[in-house]
Amino acid sequence: ELVEGEDERLESRLRLLEHAEKTIELGGEAIELAYDGDVSAVHLIARAREALARLASLNPDFEPLIENLDAAEVAVKEMAEELRSHVSRIDLDGSDLEAMRDRLARIERAKRKYGGTIPELIARLERLRRSLDDREETEALLAGLKEERTRKAEALAGLAVDLSARRKKTSGAFENLVGEEIRSLGIEGGAFKVVFEETEDGEEVAAPGGGTLSVGENGIDEVEFFVRTNPGENLLPLRRIASGGEISRVMLALKSILAGVDEVGTLVFDEIDTGIGGSTAETVALKLRQVADSRQVVCITHLPQIAVAADLHLKVEKAMRGGRTAARVHPVEGKRRIEEVARMIDGRRPSRSAMTHAREILNKAGKSVA
């Protein structure tokens, strides 16, 4: 409740009150000595008058001195009464004086602590009040956000539980489809399984039926694909399959089934033909062709049955240039397509029959070459 100029007014008022306090103190003392006390001036004058009266009875020449004492007594009495009247008119409340002293002391402490003058203290106070208002608004906003977060966490938990249920409901049919696909791609005795575990690195939220759930970016499940690629073996995580060709075929099986929903735009299959041939190679080529209907597929292969399914052929060659090995990639078109497919069939110098076979399988694949 500071007021500009308050400190100066308090100091001025205190000086007046402190002077009045001294006036009352000294005035009371003077009245006591002159009139009220047992040894006051009036009392002493009375005793002196009695002595002079006895002296005047002995010698009339001292009678004038008695008159002087009477005049002195009257003068002292008048002075005392006037002083009493003056002191009684002074309005001094000790509690008010202490309150003013305390107030001024608090103002001085505030100046020392925060610096500056009263106007600067007032300005600082206003800044603090605005900051407090902002904080209260922020706390109210934060409380609202916490409530909203709780609501959204509850909704998130419900969605995560529903998603998990749908995943588990679908996983059986998905396992069967992928198992059939990988077996058709030459992985005899192949099997596929979807394994669910609860996520551990998510955020704890209230579960719909009570308790808590750990919800991560992908829900409450950690989903991993397990695969068996040889009869009699245990199912192992897909990431632990050693053969690149087997991984490529499993991925081709997955992409074939998920072609309608998978958003990956480009797929690269490397050595997908490892360990296969004949009708299995033709099946792999057909699957690659199907996947390529909805996205870009790049396949590195040494099998002609797979190569002929492509719309575009690129040949990769290595050569020494300036003492260093360099790779060169160029498109293969027209009759050179037949030559390259025949080379894949019969080696570096393909025979006439290999050329004929190459033309036939290209035509069969719908890639006719004049």
Protein backbone atom coordinates (compact mmCIF):
# COMPACT_ATOMS: atom_id res chain seq x y z
CA GLU A 1 0.00 0.00 0.00
CA LEU A 2 2.82 2.39 -0.75
CA VAL A 3 1.94 5.95 -1.76
CA GLU A 4 4.33 8.19 -3.64
CA GLY A 5 5.93 10.78 -1.29
CA GLU A 6 4.77 8.84 1.78
CA ASP A 7 8.27 8.50 3.21
CA GLU A 8 8.88 12.25 3.08
CA ARG A 9 5.54 13.02 4.74
CA LEU A 10 6.19 10.44 7.46
CA GLU A 11 9.63 11.87 8.20
CA SER A 12 8.21 15.41 8.44
CA ARG A 13 5.35 14.30 10.68
CA LEU A 14 7.70 12.31 12.90
CA ARG A 15 9.97 15.32 13.41
CA LEU A 16 6.96 17.33 14.60
CA LEU A 17 5.72 14.57 16.87
CA GLU A 18 9.15 13.85 18.28
CA HIS A 19 9.51 17.62 19.07
CA ALA A 20 6.06 17.60 20.71
CA GLU A 21 7.04 14.58 22.74
CA LYS A 22 10.06 16.46 24.04
CA THR A 23 7.89 19.51 24.72
CA ILE A 24 5.50 17.46 26.87
CA GLU A 25 8.43 15.89 28.68
CA LEU A 26 10.20 19.20 29.42
CA GLY A 27 6.93 21.10 30.08
CA GLY A 28 5.87 18.53 32.63
CA GLU A 29 9.23 18.78 34.33
CA ALA A 30 9.02 22.61 34.44
CA ILE A 31 5.49 22.52 35.89
CA GLU A 32 6.61 20.02 38.49
CA LEU A 33 9.58 22.21 39.54
CA ALA A 34 7.66 25.49 39.42
CA TYR A 35 4.29 24.56 40.92
CA ASP A 36 3.37 20.95 41.62
CA GLY A 37 6.33 19.42 43.41
CA ASP A 38 7.04 19.26 47.12
CA VAL A 39 10.13 21.38 46.54
CA SER A 40 8.63 23.51 43.76
CA ALA A 41 9.45 27.18 43.30
CA VAL A 42 6.02 28.19 44.66
CA HIS A 43 6.62 26.09 47.78
CA LEU A 44 10.07 27.61 48.29
CA ILE A 45 8.72 31.16 47.76
CA ALA A 46 6.05 30.50 50.42
CA ARG A 47 8.73 29.43 52.88
CA ALA A 48 10.85 32.48 51.98
CA ARG A 49 7.78 34.75 52.51
CA GLU A 50 7.25 33.30 56.00
CA ALA A 51 10.87 34.04 56.86
CA LEU A 52 10.60 37.59 55.46
CA ALA A 53 7.38 38.19 57.42
CA ARG A 54 9.15 37.32 60.66
CA LEU A 55 12.05 39.51 59.57
CA ALA A 56 9.71 42.44 58.77
CA SER A 57 8.14 42.15 62.27
CA LEU A 58 11.57 42.88 63.59
CA ASN A 59 12.33 45.55 60.99
CA PRO A 60 9.61 47.20 58.89
CA ASP A 61 12.22 48.11 56.24
CA PHE A 62 11.96 44.49 54.90
CA GLU A 63 8.24 44.68 54.13
CA PRO A 64 8.78 45.73 50.46
CA LEU A 65 10.67 42.50 49.91
CA ILE A 66 7.57 40.57 50.91
CA GLU A 67 5.68 42.27 48.07
CA ASN A 68 8.42 41.24 45.66
CA LEU A 69 8.07 37.59 46.75
CA ASP A 70 4.29 37.82 46.38
CA ALA A 71 4.77 39.15 42.85
CA ALA A 72 7.26 36.36 42.12
CA GLU A 73 4.79 33.74 43.39
CA VAL A 74 2.05 35.13 41.17
CA ALA A 75 4.42 35.17 38.19
CA VAL A 76 5.49 31.55 38.75
CA LYS A 77 1.88 30.42 39.15
CA GLU A 78 0.82 32.21 35.96
CA MET A 79 3.78 30.71 34.06
CA ALA A 80 2.95 27.22 35.33
CA GLU A 81 -0.74 27.53 34.37
CA GLU A 82 0.11 28.87 30.93
CA LEU A 83 2.65 26.09 30.38
CA ARG A 84 0.13 23.44 31.55
CA SER A 85 -2.47 24.84 29.15
CA HIS A 86 0.00 24.74 26.25
CA VAL A 87 1.13 21.18 26.97
CA SER A 88 -2.43 19.91 27.40
CA ARG A 89 -3.27 21.10 23.90
CA ILE A 90 -0.60 18.89 22.33
CA ASP A 91 -2.32 15.80 20.76
CA LEU A 92 0.21 13.02 21.09
CA ASP A 93 -0.78 9.37 20.84
CA GLY A 94 2.21 7.18 21.58
CA SER A 95 0.78 4.25 19.62
CA ASP A 96 0.41 6.43 16.51
CA LEU A 97 3.99 7.58 16.91
CA GLU A 98 5.24 3.98 17.11
CA ALA A 99 3.08 3.00 14.16
CA MET A 100 4.58 5.79 12.05
CA ARG A 101 8.09 4.85 13.11
CA ASP A 102 7.41 1.20 12.23
CA ARG A 103 5.90 2.17 8.88
CA LEU A 104 8.87 4.32 7.94
CA ALA A 105 11.28 1.57 9.02
CA ARG A 106 9.46 -0.97 6.80
CA ILE A 107 9.64 1.42 3.86
CA GLU A 108 13.38 1.88 4.39
CA ARG A 109 13.88 -1.90 4.55
CA ALA A 110 12.01 -2.30 1.29
CA LYS A 111 14.20 0.37 -0.30
CA ARG A 112 17.36 -1.41 0.88
CA LYS A 113 16.12 -4.83 -0.26
CA TYR A 114 14.70 -3.90 -3.64
CA GLY A 115 16.51 -0.62 -4.29
CA GLY A 116 15.35 2.74 -5.48
CA THR A 117 12.62 5.12 -4.43
CA ILE A 118 8.96 4.62 -3.58
CA PRO A 119 7.88 5.17 -7.23
CA GLU A 120 10.34 2.45 -8.26
CA LEU A 121 9.05 0.15 -5.52
CA ILE A 122 5.47 0.74 -6.70
CA ALA A 123 6.48 -0.06 -10.28
CA ARG A 124 8.20 -3.25 -9.12
CA LEU A 125 5.12 -4.24 -7.15
CA GLU A 126 2.95 -3.83 -10.25
CA ARG A 127 5.33 -6.03 -12.23
CA LEU A 128 5.17 -8.67 -9.51
CA ARG A 129 1.36 -8.50 -9.45
CA ARG A 130 1.21 -8.95 -13.22
CA SER A 131 3.62 -11.86 -12.94
CA LEU A 132 1.45 -13.39 -10.24
CA ASP A 133 -1.65 -12.94 -12.39
CA ASP A 134 0.18 -14.57 -15.30
CA ARG A 135 1.23 -17.42 -13.03
CA GLU A 136 -2.33 -17.91 -11.80
CA GLU A 137 -3.53 -17.93 -15.41
CA THR A 138 -0.76 -20.38 -16.28
CA GLU A 139 -1.68 -22.63 -13.36
CA ALA A 140 -5.30 -22.56 -14.46
CA LEU A 141 -4.23 -23.37 -18.02
CA LEU A 142 -1.97 -26.14 -16.75
CA ALA A 143 -4.79 -27.60 -14.68
CA GLY A 144 -7.00 -27.59 -17.76
CA LEU A 145 -4.29 -29.23 -19.85
CA LYS A 146 -3.79 -31.90 -17.21
CA GLU A 147 -7.52 -32.67 -17.28
CA GLU A 148 -7.46 -32.79 -21.08
CA ARG A 149 -4.37 -35.01 -20.98
CA THR A 150 -6.12 -37.38 -18.58
CA ARG A 151 -9.13 -37.58 -20.91
CA LYS A 152 -6.93 -38.20 -23.92
CA ALA A 153 -4.88 -40.79 -22.02
CA GLU A 154 -8.11 -42.64 -21.21
CA ALA A 155 -9.14 -42.48 -24.86
CA LEU A 156 -5.65 -43.61 -25.90
CA ALA A 157 -5.82 -46.60 -23.57
CA GLY A 158 -9.19 -47.59 -25.04
CA LEU A 159 -7.86 -47.32 -28.59
CA ALA A 160 -4.70 -49.25 -27.70
CA VAL A 161 -6.69 -52.10 -26.13
CA ASP A 162 -9.00 -52.22 -29.16
CA LEU A 163 -6.02 -52.19 -31.54
CA SER A 164 -4.38 -55.04 -29.63
CA ALA A 165 -7.57 -57.11 -29.76
CA ARG A 166 -7.91 -56.55 -33.51
CA ARG A 167 -4.26 -57.46 -34.07
CA LYS A 168 -4.63 -60.71 -32.14
CA LYS A 169 -7.91 -61.54 -33.89
CA THR A 170 -6.28 -61.03 -37.30
CA SER A 171 -2.94 -62.65 -36.51
CA GLY A 172 -4.17 -66.25 -36.98
CA ALA A 173 -5.37 -65.73 -40.55
CA PHE A 174 -2.27 -63.65 -41.29
CA GLU A 175 0.01 -66.45 -40.03
CA ASN A 176 -1.71 -68.98 -42.31
CA LEU A 177 -1.51 -66.75 -45.39
CA VAL A 178 2.19 -65.96 -44.91
CA GLY A 179 2.99 -69.61 -44.17
CA GLU A 180 1.35 -70.67 -47.44
CA GLU A 181 3.18 -67.96 -49.35
CA ILE A 182 6.66 -68.79 -48.05
CA ARG A 183 6.13 -72.50 -48.73
CA SER A 184 5.05 -71.68 -52.27
CA LEU A 185 8.28 -69.68 -52.67
CA GLY A 186 10.47 -72.75 -52.08
CA ILE A 187 10.85 -72.73 -48.30
CA GLU A 188 9.79 -76.31 -47.61
CA GLY A 189 8.34 -76.85 -44.15
CA GLY A 190 8.21 -73.09 -43.66
CA ALA A 191 6.00 -71.65 -40.95
CA PHE A 192 5.20 -68.15 -39.74
CA LYS A 193 3.96 -66.91 -36.38
CA VAL A 194 3.10 -63.52 -34.86
CA VAL A 195 4.30 -63.18 -31.25
CA PHE A 196 2.85 -60.55 -28.90
CA GLU A 197 4.50 -59.14 -25.79
CA GLU A 198 3.53 -56.16 -23.65
CA THR A 199 5.53 -53.05 -24.39
CA GLU A 200 7.82 -51.96 -21.59
CA ASP A 201 9.08 -48.56 -22.75
CA GLY A 202 5.72 -46.81 -23.10
CA GLU A 203 3.94 -44.37 -20.82
CA GLU A 204 1.80 -45.55 -17.95
CA VAL A 205 -1.89 -44.69 -18.43
CA ALA A 206 -5.04 -45.79 -16.64
CA ALA A 207 -6.47 -48.99 -18.10
CA PRO A 208 -10.17 -49.02 -19.06
CA GLY A 209 -10.99 -51.77 -16.54
CA GLY A 210 -8.72 -50.55 -13.77
CA GLY A 211 -5.00 -50.71 -13.20
CA THR A 212 -2.48 -49.26 -15.65
CA LEU A 213 -1.19 -49.94 -19.14
CA SER A 214 2.14 -49.16 -20.75
CA VAL A 215 1.29 -47.48 -24.07
CA GLY A 216 4.01 -46.78 -26.62
CA GLU A 217 4.07 -45.28 -30.09
CA ASN A 218 2.60 -48.48 -31.54
CA GLY A 219 0.16 -49.29 -28.75
CA ILE A 220 0.46 -51.77 -25.88
CA ASP A 221 2.02 -54.54 -27.99
CA GLU A 222 5.56 -55.40 -29.00
CA VAL A 223 4.93 -57.49 -32.12
CA GLU A 224 7.60 -59.72 -33.62
CA PHE A 225 7.46 -62.13 -36.56
CA PHE A 226 8.86 -65.63 -36.02
CA VAL A 227 9.73 -67.88 -38.99
CA ARG A 228 10.79 -71.47 -39.56
CA THR A 229 12.67 -71.97 -42.84
CA ASN A 230 13.62 -75.65 -42.53
CA PRO A 231 11.60 -78.68 -41.42
CA GLY A 232 12.20 -79.76 -37.83
CA GLU A 233 13.72 -76.43 -36.74
CA ASN A 234 12.31 -74.11 -34.11
CA LEU A 235 10.58 -70.91 -34.98
CA LEU A 236 13.08 -68.02 -34.74
CA PRO A 237 12.70 -64.24 -34.98
CA LEU A 238 12.77 -63.07 -38.58
CA ARG A 239 15.73 -60.82 -37.78
CA ARG A 240 17.82 -63.91 -36.92
CA ILE A 241 17.44 -65.63 -40.30
CA ALA A 242 20.95 -65.98 -41.71
CA SER A 243 20.20 -66.55 -45.37
CA GLY A 244 19.69 -63.41 -47.43
CA GLY A 245 17.68 -65.35 -49.98
CA GLU A 246 15.32 -66.70 -47.32
CA ILE A 247 14.84 -63.22 -45.83
CA SER A 248 14.05 -61.86 -49.29
CA ARG A 249 11.48 -64.58 -49.95
CA VAL A 250 9.82 -64.12 -46.56
CA MET A 251 9.68 -60.37 -47.20
CA LEU A 252 8.25 -61.04 -50.68
CA ALA A 253 5.58 -63.22 -49.07
CA LEU A 254 4.74 -60.46 -46.58
CA LYS A 255 4.66 -57.77 -49.27
CA SER A 256 2.49 -59.92 -51.53
CA ILE A 257 -0.13 -60.25 -48.80
CA LEU A 258 0.13 -56.63 -47.64
CA ALA A 259 0.38 -55.09 -51.11
CA GLY A 260 -2.94 -53.29 -50.74
CA VAL A 261 -2.14 -51.56 -47.44
CA ASP A 262 1.67 -51.25 -47.28
CA GLU A 263 2.76 -47.64 -47.94
CA VAL A 264 6.41 -48.42 -48.78
CA GLY A 265 6.99 -47.09 -52.30
CA THR A 266 10.12 -48.97 -53.35
CA LEU A 267 11.27 -52.50 -52.54
CA VAL A 268 14.73 -53.91 -53.25
CA PHE A 269 15.22 -57.72 -53.31
CA ASP A 270 18.82 -58.93 -53.32
CA GLU A 271 19.64 -62.57 -54.14
CA ILE A 272 16.05 -63.65 -53.75
CA ASP A 273 16.88 -66.55 -56.08
CA THR A 274 19.41 -68.19 -53.75
CA GLY A 275 18.78 -71.94 -53.52
CA ILE A 276 15.75 -72.07 -55.85
CA GLY A 277 15.04 -72.87 -59.46
CA GLY A 278 12.48 -74.32 -61.81
CA SER A 279 8.83 -73.83 -60.89
CA THR A 280 9.73 -72.14 -57.60
CA ALA A 281 11.65 -69.48 -59.53
CA GLU A 282 8.62 -68.95 -61.75
CA THR A 283 6.43 -68.57 -58.63
CA VAL A 284 8.84 -66.00 -57.19
CA ALA A 285 8.79 -64.11 -60.48
CA LEU A 286 4.98 -64.10 -60.46
CA LYS A 287 4.91 -62.74 -56.89
CA LEU A 288 7.42 -60.04 -57.78
CA ARG A 289 5.28 -59.10 -60.76
CA GLN A 290 2.19 -58.85 -58.58
CA VAL A 291 3.93 -56.65 -56.01
CA ALA A 292 5.31 -54.47 -58.81
CA ASP A 293 1.76 -53.65 -59.91
CA SER A 294 1.43 -51.24 -56.97
CA ARG A 295 5.02 -50.06 -56.28
CA GLN A 296 8.54 -49.91 -57.63
CA VAL A 297 10.43 -53.21 -57.32
CA VAL A 298 14.15 -53.57 -57.89
CA CYS A 299 15.45 -57.17 -57.99
CA ILE A 300 19.03 -58.35 -58.30
CA THR A 301 18.95 -61.86 -59.75
CA HIS A 302 20.94 -64.49 -61.62
CA LEU A 303 17.91 -66.55 -62.67
CA PRO A 304 16.41 -65.93 -66.11
CA GLN A 305 12.96 -67.07 -64.93
CA ILE A 306 12.92 -64.12 -62.55
CA ALA A 307 14.66 -61.62 -64.80
CA VAL A 308 12.17 -61.98 -67.66
CA ALA A 309 9.31 -60.76 -65.42
CA ALA A 310 10.81 -57.26 -65.24
CA ASP A 311 9.69 -54.28 -67.32
CA LEU A 312 13.20 -52.82 -67.42
CA HIS A 313 16.56 -54.61 -67.40
CA LEU A 314 19.73 -53.00 -66.12
CA LYS A 315 23.13 -54.63 -66.52
CA VAL A 316 25.81 -54.03 -63.90
CA GLU A 317 29.41 -54.42 -65.03
CA LYS A 318 32.76 -53.86 -63.36
CA ALA A 319 35.85 -52.66 -65.19
CA MET A 320 39.30 -51.27 -64.41
CA ARG A 321 39.68 -47.56 -65.06
CA GLY A 322 42.82 -45.66 -64.20
CA GLY A 323 43.99 -48.47 -61.96
CA ARG A 324 40.73 -48.59 -60.03
CA THR A 325 37.67 -50.82 -60.25
CA ALA A 326 34.56 -48.97 -61.37
CA ALA A 327 30.95 -50.16 -61.60
CA ARG A 328 28.84 -49.26 -64.58
CA VAL A 329 25.07 -49.65 -64.95
CA HIS A 330 23.29 -49.37 -68.29
CA PRO A 331 19.89 -50.37 -69.65
CA VAL A 332 19.47 -53.48 -71.77
CA GLU A 333 16.92 -53.11 -74.59
CA GLY A 334 15.79 -54.77 -77.78
CA LYS A 335 17.71 -57.81 -78.99
CA ARG A 336 20.29 -57.33 -76.27
CA ARG A 337 17.62 -58.45 -73.83
CA ILE A 338 17.57 -61.84 -75.55
CA GLU A 339 21.37 -62.01 -75.47
CA GLU A 340 21.58 -61.21 -71.74
CA VAL A 341 18.83 -63.67 -70.79
CA ALA A 342 20.54 -66.32 -72.95
CA ARG A 343 23.85 -65.54 -71.19
CA MET A 344 22.10 -66.18 -67.87
CA ILE A 345 20.92 -69.54 -69.28
CA ASP A 346 24.09 -70.74 -71.04
CA GLY A 347 27.07 -68.69 -69.88
CA ARG A 348 29.28 -66.06 -71.54
CA ARG A 349 28.83 -67.42 -75.12
CA PRO A 350 25.22 -68.56 -75.32
CA SER A 351 24.27 -71.20 -77.91
CA ARG A 352 21.61 -70.85 -80.59
CA SER A 353 19.25 -72.98 -78.52
CA ALA A 354 19.84 -70.73 -75.48
CA MET A 355 18.98 -67.69 -77.62
CA THR A 356 15.81 -69.42 -78.78
CA HIS A 357 14.88 -70.39 -75.20
CA ALA A 358 15.54 -66.83 -74.04
CA ARG A 359 13.21 -65.45 -76.70
CA GLU A 360 10.53 -67.96 -75.73
CA ILE A 361 10.53 -67.21 -72.02
CA LEU A 362 10.56 -63.45 -72.69
CA ASN A 363 7.53 -63.83 -74.96
CA LYS A 364 5.87 -66.09 -72.39
CA ALA A 365 6.39 -63.39 -69.75
CA GLY A 366 4.77 -60.83 -72.06
CA LYS A 367 8.10 -59.10 -72.87
CA SER A 368 8.19 -59.94 -76.56
CA VAL A 369 11.29 -58.86 -78.46
CA ALA A 370 11.35 -58.49 -82.23
